[in-house]
Amino acid sequence: MKQVLIIAAAASLLATAVNAQTTMTTTTGAGNAVIQIEPQYRTKIKSYVTEKKVRPVTTQERIVVGAKVPTSVELEAVPADWGPSVTKYRYIYSSDRVMLVDPGTRTVVHEID
C-alpha cells in the first residue's frame, strides 16, 4: 500500500511539472522578482526585435541578470503587447538577447534569449 501511494504521489508531481512547463514560463530574476512570460508573448518579443531591427547595445562588460546597466545605455520602453507582466520594465537588446531592466535601479531582472 505504501508503495502505491509513493508511485501515485510521484505521478501527480510529474504531471503538475509537465503542465506548468507547457502553460507558461516562470523565471526568477534579480532580487527574487518572479516574472512570468507566456509563450505567445515570448514569440511577440522575439518577432518585435527582428521586425523592428532593434540595434544591439554594445558595452565593455557583458550584461547579465543581476548586473546594473551602465548609465550611458539608453533603456527602451517595453511595448504594451509584450504582456502585462513586463510593462513596468524597460529593455535593452544585447548579444542576441532581450534583457528586461528595472528602470528604478537599472538592474537586469530577466533575460529573454
N, C-alpha and C. Protein backbone atom coordinates (compact mmCIF):
# COMPACT_ATOMS: atom_id res chain seq x y z
N MET A 1 0.82 -1.20 0.00
CA MET A 1 0.00 0.00 0.00
C MET A 1 0.87 1.27 0.00
N LYS A 2 1.92 1.24 0.81
CA LYS A 2 2.81 2.39 0.90
C LYS A 2 3.46 2.68 -0.46
N GLN A 3 3.84 1.62 -1.16
CA GLN A 3 4.48 1.78 -2.46
C GLN A 3 3.51 2.39 -3.48
N VAL A 4 2.26 2.02 -3.43
CA VAL A 4 1.24 2.56 -4.33
C VAL A 4 1.07 4.06 -4.09
N LEU A 5 1.05 4.48 -2.84
CA LEU A 5 0.92 5.90 -2.51
C LEU A 5 2.13 6.69 -3.01
N ILE A 6 3.31 6.14 -2.88
CA ILE A 6 4.52 6.82 -3.35
C ILE A 6 4.48 6.98 -4.86
N ILE A 7 4.08 5.92 -5.56
CA ILE A 7 4.00 5.98 -7.02
C ILE A 7 2.94 6.99 -7.46
N ALA A 8 1.81 7.01 -6.78
CA ALA A 8 0.74 7.97 -7.12
C ALA A 8 1.20 9.40 -6.88
N ALA A 9 1.90 9.64 -5.79
CA ALA A 9 2.39 10.98 -5.49
C ALA A 9 3.43 11.42 -6.53
N ALA A 10 4.31 10.52 -6.93
CA ALA A 10 5.32 10.85 -7.93
C ALA A 10 4.68 11.15 -9.28
N ALA A 11 3.68 10.36 -9.66
CA ALA A 11 2.97 10.58 -10.93
C ALA A 11 2.27 11.93 -10.91
N SER A 12 1.66 12.28 -9.79
CA SER A 12 0.96 13.56 -9.67
C SER A 12 1.94 14.72 -9.78
N LEU A 13 3.07 14.61 -9.13
CA LEU A 13 4.09 15.65 -9.18
C LEU A 13 4.63 15.81 -10.60
N LEU A 14 4.87 14.71 -11.28
CA LEU A 14 5.36 14.75 -12.65
C LEU A 14 4.33 15.40 -13.58
N ALA A 15 3.08 15.06 -13.43
CA ALA A 15 2.02 15.64 -14.27
C ALA A 15 1.92 17.15 -14.03
N THR A 16 2.04 17.57 -12.80
CA THR A 16 1.99 19.00 -12.48
C THR A 16 3.17 19.74 -13.11
N ALA A 17 4.36 19.16 -13.05
CA ALA A 17 5.55 19.80 -13.63
C ALA A 17 5.43 19.91 -15.14
N VAL A 18 4.94 18.87 -15.80
CA VAL A 18 4.78 18.91 -17.25
C VAL A 18 3.74 19.95 -17.64
N ASN A 19 2.64 20.01 -16.91
CA ASN A 19 1.60 21.00 -17.19
C ASN A 19 2.13 22.41 -17.01
N ALA A 20 2.90 22.66 -15.99
CA ALA A 20 3.45 24.00 -15.75
C ALA A 20 4.38 24.42 -16.87
N GLN A 21 5.17 23.50 -17.41
CA GLN A 21 6.09 23.84 -18.49
C GLN A 21 5.36 24.18 -19.77
N THR A 22 4.21 23.57 -20.02
CA THR A 22 3.51 23.82 -21.27
C THR A 22 2.62 25.05 -21.21
N THR A 23 2.25 25.52 -20.03
CA THR A 23 1.34 26.65 -19.96
C THR A 23 2.04 28.00 -19.83
N MET A 24 3.16 28.07 -19.13
CA MET A 24 3.86 29.35 -19.02
C MET A 24 5.29 29.14 -18.57
N THR A 25 6.07 30.15 -18.82
CA THR A 25 7.46 30.12 -18.40
C THR A 25 7.60 31.05 -17.20
N THR A 26 8.14 30.55 -16.11
CA THR A 26 8.36 31.35 -14.93
C THR A 26 9.85 31.38 -14.64
N THR A 27 10.38 32.55 -14.46
CA THR A 27 11.80 32.67 -14.18
C THR A 27 11.99 33.62 -13.01
N THR A 28 12.86 33.26 -12.12
CA THR A 28 13.20 34.15 -11.02
C THR A 28 14.36 35.01 -11.46
N GLY A 29 14.17 36.31 -11.40
CA GLY A 29 15.21 37.23 -11.80
C GLY A 29 15.93 37.79 -10.59
N ALA A 30 16.57 38.90 -10.78
CA ALA A 30 17.32 39.55 -9.71
C ALA A 30 16.37 40.02 -8.62
N GLY A 31 16.81 39.98 -7.41
CA GLY A 31 16.02 40.45 -6.29
C GLY A 31 14.81 39.58 -6.03
N ASN A 32 14.87 38.30 -6.43
CA ASN A 32 13.79 37.35 -6.24
C ASN A 32 12.49 37.78 -6.90
N ALA A 33 12.56 38.63 -7.92
CA ALA A 33 11.37 39.01 -8.67
C ALA A 33 10.98 37.84 -9.56
N VAL A 34 9.71 37.49 -9.56
CA VAL A 34 9.24 36.42 -10.42
C VAL A 34 8.54 37.07 -11.60
N ILE A 35 9.04 36.77 -12.78
CA ILE A 35 8.48 37.32 -14.00
C ILE A 35 7.92 36.16 -14.81
N GLN A 36 6.65 36.23 -15.11
CA GLN A 36 6.01 35.18 -15.89
C GLN A 36 5.73 35.70 -17.29
N ILE A 37 6.30 35.03 -18.27
CA ILE A 37 6.09 35.41 -19.65
C ILE A 37 5.54 34.20 -20.39
N GLU A 38 4.30 34.31 -20.83
CA GLU A 38 3.67 33.20 -21.53
C GLU A 38 4.29 33.04 -22.90
N PRO A 39 4.26 31.83 -23.46
CA PRO A 39 4.91 31.56 -24.75
C PRO A 39 4.51 32.51 -25.88
N GLN A 40 3.25 32.88 -25.98
CA GLN A 40 2.84 33.77 -27.09
C GLN A 40 3.50 35.14 -26.96
N TYR A 41 3.77 35.60 -25.74
CA TYR A 41 4.46 36.88 -25.57
C TYR A 41 5.94 36.75 -25.89
N ARG A 42 6.55 35.61 -25.57
CA ARG A 42 7.95 35.38 -25.93
C ARG A 42 8.11 35.49 -27.44
N THR A 43 7.17 34.90 -28.17
CA THR A 43 7.20 34.95 -29.64
C THR A 43 7.06 36.38 -30.12
N LYS A 44 6.16 37.16 -29.51
CA LYS A 44 5.98 38.56 -29.91
C LYS A 44 7.26 39.37 -29.66
N ILE A 45 7.88 39.13 -28.54
CA ILE A 45 9.10 39.87 -28.20
C ILE A 45 10.20 39.57 -29.22
N LYS A 46 10.41 38.31 -29.52
CA LYS A 46 11.44 37.93 -30.49
C LYS A 46 11.12 38.48 -31.87
N SER A 47 9.84 38.44 -32.27
CA SER A 47 9.43 38.99 -33.57
C SER A 47 9.65 40.49 -33.62
N TYR A 48 9.33 41.18 -32.53
CA TYR A 48 9.49 42.63 -32.46
C TYR A 48 10.94 43.03 -32.72
N VAL A 49 11.85 42.36 -32.04
CA VAL A 49 13.27 42.69 -32.17
C VAL A 49 13.74 42.47 -33.60
N THR A 50 13.26 41.39 -34.23
CA THR A 50 13.66 41.09 -35.61
C THR A 50 13.03 42.06 -36.60
N GLU A 51 11.72 42.26 -36.49
CA GLU A 51 11.00 43.11 -37.45
C GLU A 51 11.39 44.58 -37.34
N LYS A 52 11.58 45.07 -36.14
CA LYS A 52 11.94 46.47 -35.94
C LYS A 52 13.43 46.72 -36.11
N LYS A 53 14.18 45.63 -36.32
CA LYS A 53 15.63 45.72 -36.49
C LYS A 53 16.27 46.54 -35.37
N VAL A 54 15.94 46.14 -34.14
CA VAL A 54 16.46 46.83 -32.96
C VAL A 54 17.98 46.67 -32.95
N ARG A 55 18.66 47.81 -32.84
CA ARG A 55 20.13 47.79 -32.81
C ARG A 55 20.61 47.29 -31.46
N PRO A 56 21.53 46.35 -31.47
CA PRO A 56 22.04 45.86 -30.18
C PRO A 56 22.91 46.89 -29.48
N VAL A 57 22.86 46.84 -28.17
CA VAL A 57 23.69 47.69 -27.32
C VAL A 57 25.04 47.00 -27.16
N THR A 58 26.10 47.76 -27.24
CA THR A 58 27.43 47.20 -27.00
C THR A 58 28.04 47.89 -25.79
N THR A 59 28.59 47.07 -24.91
CA THR A 59 29.27 47.59 -23.72
C THR A 59 30.56 46.80 -23.54
N GLN A 60 31.46 47.34 -22.73
CA GLN A 60 32.71 46.63 -22.48
C GLN A 60 32.47 45.36 -21.66
N GLU A 61 31.56 45.44 -20.70
CA GLU A 61 31.26 44.29 -19.87
C GLU A 61 30.00 43.60 -20.39
N ARG A 62 29.93 42.29 -20.18
CA ARG A 62 28.76 41.52 -20.60
C ARG A 62 27.60 41.85 -19.66
N ILE A 63 26.44 42.07 -20.24
CA ILE A 63 25.26 42.39 -19.45
C ILE A 63 24.53 41.09 -19.12
N VAL A 64 24.35 40.84 -17.82
CA VAL A 64 23.73 39.61 -17.35
C VAL A 64 22.68 39.93 -16.30
N VAL A 65 21.82 38.95 -16.01
CA VAL A 65 20.80 39.12 -14.98
C VAL A 65 21.49 39.41 -13.65
N GLY A 66 21.02 40.43 -12.97
CA GLY A 66 21.58 40.83 -11.68
C GLY A 66 22.56 41.98 -11.78
N ALA A 67 23.06 42.24 -12.99
CA ALA A 67 24.03 43.33 -13.18
C ALA A 67 23.31 44.64 -13.43
N LYS A 68 23.99 45.72 -13.12
CA LYS A 68 23.44 47.05 -13.40
C LYS A 68 23.85 47.46 -14.81
N VAL A 69 22.91 48.08 -15.52
CA VAL A 69 23.18 48.57 -16.86
C VAL A 69 23.84 49.94 -16.73
N PRO A 70 24.94 50.16 -17.43
CA PRO A 70 25.62 51.47 -17.35
C PRO A 70 24.66 52.62 -17.71
N THR A 71 24.88 53.77 -17.08
CA THR A 71 24.01 54.92 -17.33
C THR A 71 24.14 55.44 -18.76
N SER A 72 25.21 55.07 -19.44
CA SER A 72 25.39 55.50 -20.83
C SER A 72 24.47 54.74 -21.79
N VAL A 73 23.87 53.65 -21.33
CA VAL A 73 22.99 52.84 -22.17
C VAL A 73 21.55 53.33 -22.00
N GLU A 74 20.91 53.62 -23.13
CA GLU A 74 19.52 54.08 -23.08
C GLU A 74 18.57 52.90 -22.94
N LEU A 75 17.68 52.99 -21.96
CA LEU A 75 16.69 51.94 -21.74
C LEU A 75 15.46 52.25 -22.60
N GLU A 76 14.96 51.25 -23.30
CA GLU A 76 13.80 51.42 -24.18
C GLU A 76 12.53 51.02 -23.45
N ALA A 77 11.43 51.70 -23.77
CA ALA A 77 10.13 51.36 -23.18
C ALA A 77 9.65 50.02 -23.74
N VAL A 78 9.06 49.21 -22.89
CA VAL A 78 8.52 47.92 -23.31
C VAL A 78 7.16 48.16 -23.97
N PRO A 79 6.97 47.67 -25.20
CA PRO A 79 5.66 47.81 -25.85
C PRO A 79 4.56 47.09 -25.06
N ALA A 80 3.37 47.63 -25.06
CA ALA A 80 2.25 47.07 -24.30
C ALA A 80 1.90 45.65 -24.72
N ASP A 81 2.12 45.32 -26.00
CA ASP A 81 1.74 43.98 -26.46
C ASP A 81 2.74 42.89 -26.08
N TRP A 82 3.75 43.21 -25.27
CA TRP A 82 4.68 42.20 -24.77
C TRP A 82 4.11 41.48 -23.56
N GLY A 83 2.96 41.90 -23.09
CA GLY A 83 2.33 41.22 -21.96
C GLY A 83 2.29 42.06 -20.71
N PRO A 84 1.28 41.86 -19.89
CA PRO A 84 1.08 42.69 -18.70
C PRO A 84 2.14 42.53 -17.63
N SER A 85 2.84 41.40 -17.61
CA SER A 85 3.83 41.19 -16.54
C SER A 85 5.13 41.94 -16.77
N VAL A 86 5.33 42.51 -17.96
CA VAL A 86 6.62 43.15 -18.25
C VAL A 86 6.53 44.64 -18.55
N THR A 87 5.34 45.21 -18.59
CA THR A 87 5.20 46.61 -18.99
C THR A 87 5.83 47.60 -18.01
N LYS A 88 6.05 47.19 -16.78
CA LYS A 88 6.67 48.11 -15.81
C LYS A 88 8.19 48.20 -15.98
N TYR A 89 8.75 47.32 -16.81
CA TYR A 89 10.19 47.30 -17.04
C TYR A 89 10.56 48.08 -18.29
N ARG A 90 11.85 48.26 -18.50
CA ARG A 90 12.41 48.77 -19.74
C ARG A 90 13.23 47.62 -20.32
N TYR A 91 13.71 47.79 -21.54
CA TYR A 91 14.51 46.71 -22.10
C TYR A 91 15.72 47.24 -22.85
N ILE A 92 16.68 46.36 -23.01
CA ILE A 92 17.81 46.59 -23.91
C ILE A 92 17.98 45.30 -24.71
N TYR A 93 18.60 45.43 -25.87
CA TYR A 93 18.90 44.29 -26.72
C TYR A 93 20.42 44.19 -26.81
N SER A 94 20.97 43.08 -26.35
CA SER A 94 22.41 42.91 -26.31
C SER A 94 22.77 41.44 -26.52
N SER A 95 23.73 41.17 -27.39
CA SER A 95 24.22 39.81 -27.65
C SER A 95 23.08 38.85 -28.00
N ASP A 96 22.19 39.28 -28.89
CA ASP A 96 21.04 38.47 -29.34
C ASP A 96 20.08 38.10 -28.22
N ARG A 97 20.04 38.91 -27.18
CA ARG A 97 19.14 38.66 -26.05
C ARG A 97 18.43 39.96 -25.69
N VAL A 98 17.17 39.81 -25.34
CA VAL A 98 16.42 40.94 -24.81
C VAL A 98 16.52 40.85 -23.29
N MET A 99 16.96 41.95 -22.69
CA MET A 99 17.13 41.99 -21.24
C MET A 99 16.11 42.97 -20.66
N LEU A 100 15.30 42.48 -19.72
CA LEU A 100 14.36 43.37 -19.03
C LEU A 100 15.09 44.01 -17.86
N VAL A 101 14.88 45.32 -17.73
CA VAL A 101 15.63 46.11 -16.75
C VAL A 101 14.66 46.87 -15.85
N ASP A 102 14.91 46.83 -14.56
CA ASP A 102 14.14 47.65 -13.61
C ASP A 102 14.61 49.08 -13.79
N PRO A 103 13.72 49.98 -14.24
CA PRO A 103 14.17 51.35 -14.54
C PRO A 103 14.61 52.13 -13.31
N GLY A 104 14.11 51.77 -12.14
CA GLY A 104 14.49 52.49 -10.93
C GLY A 104 15.90 52.20 -10.48
N THR A 105 16.33 50.96 -10.64
CA THR A 105 17.66 50.57 -10.19
C THR A 105 18.63 50.29 -11.33
N ARG A 106 18.10 50.20 -12.56
CA ARG A 106 18.86 49.86 -13.76
C ARG A 106 19.46 48.47 -13.67
N THR A 107 18.83 47.59 -12.89
CA THR A 107 19.30 46.23 -12.72
C THR A 107 18.57 45.31 -13.71
N VAL A 108 19.30 44.43 -14.37
CA VAL A 108 18.70 43.46 -15.27
C VAL A 108 17.98 42.42 -14.43
N VAL A 109 16.69 42.23 -14.68
CA VAL A 109 15.89 41.31 -13.89
C VAL A 109 15.50 40.04 -14.64
N HIS A 110 15.64 40.05 -15.97
CA HIS A 110 15.22 38.87 -16.74
C HIS A 110 15.87 38.90 -18.12
N GLU A 111 16.24 37.73 -18.59
CA GLU A 111 16.83 37.59 -19.93
C GLU A 111 15.90 36.77 -20.81
N ILE A 112 15.63 37.28 -21.99
CA ILE A 112 14.84 36.53 -22.97
C ILE A 112 15.77 36.25 -24.13
N ASP A 113 16.15 34.98 -24.29
CA ASP A 113 17.10 34.62 -25.34
C ASP A 113 16.41 34.17 -26.60
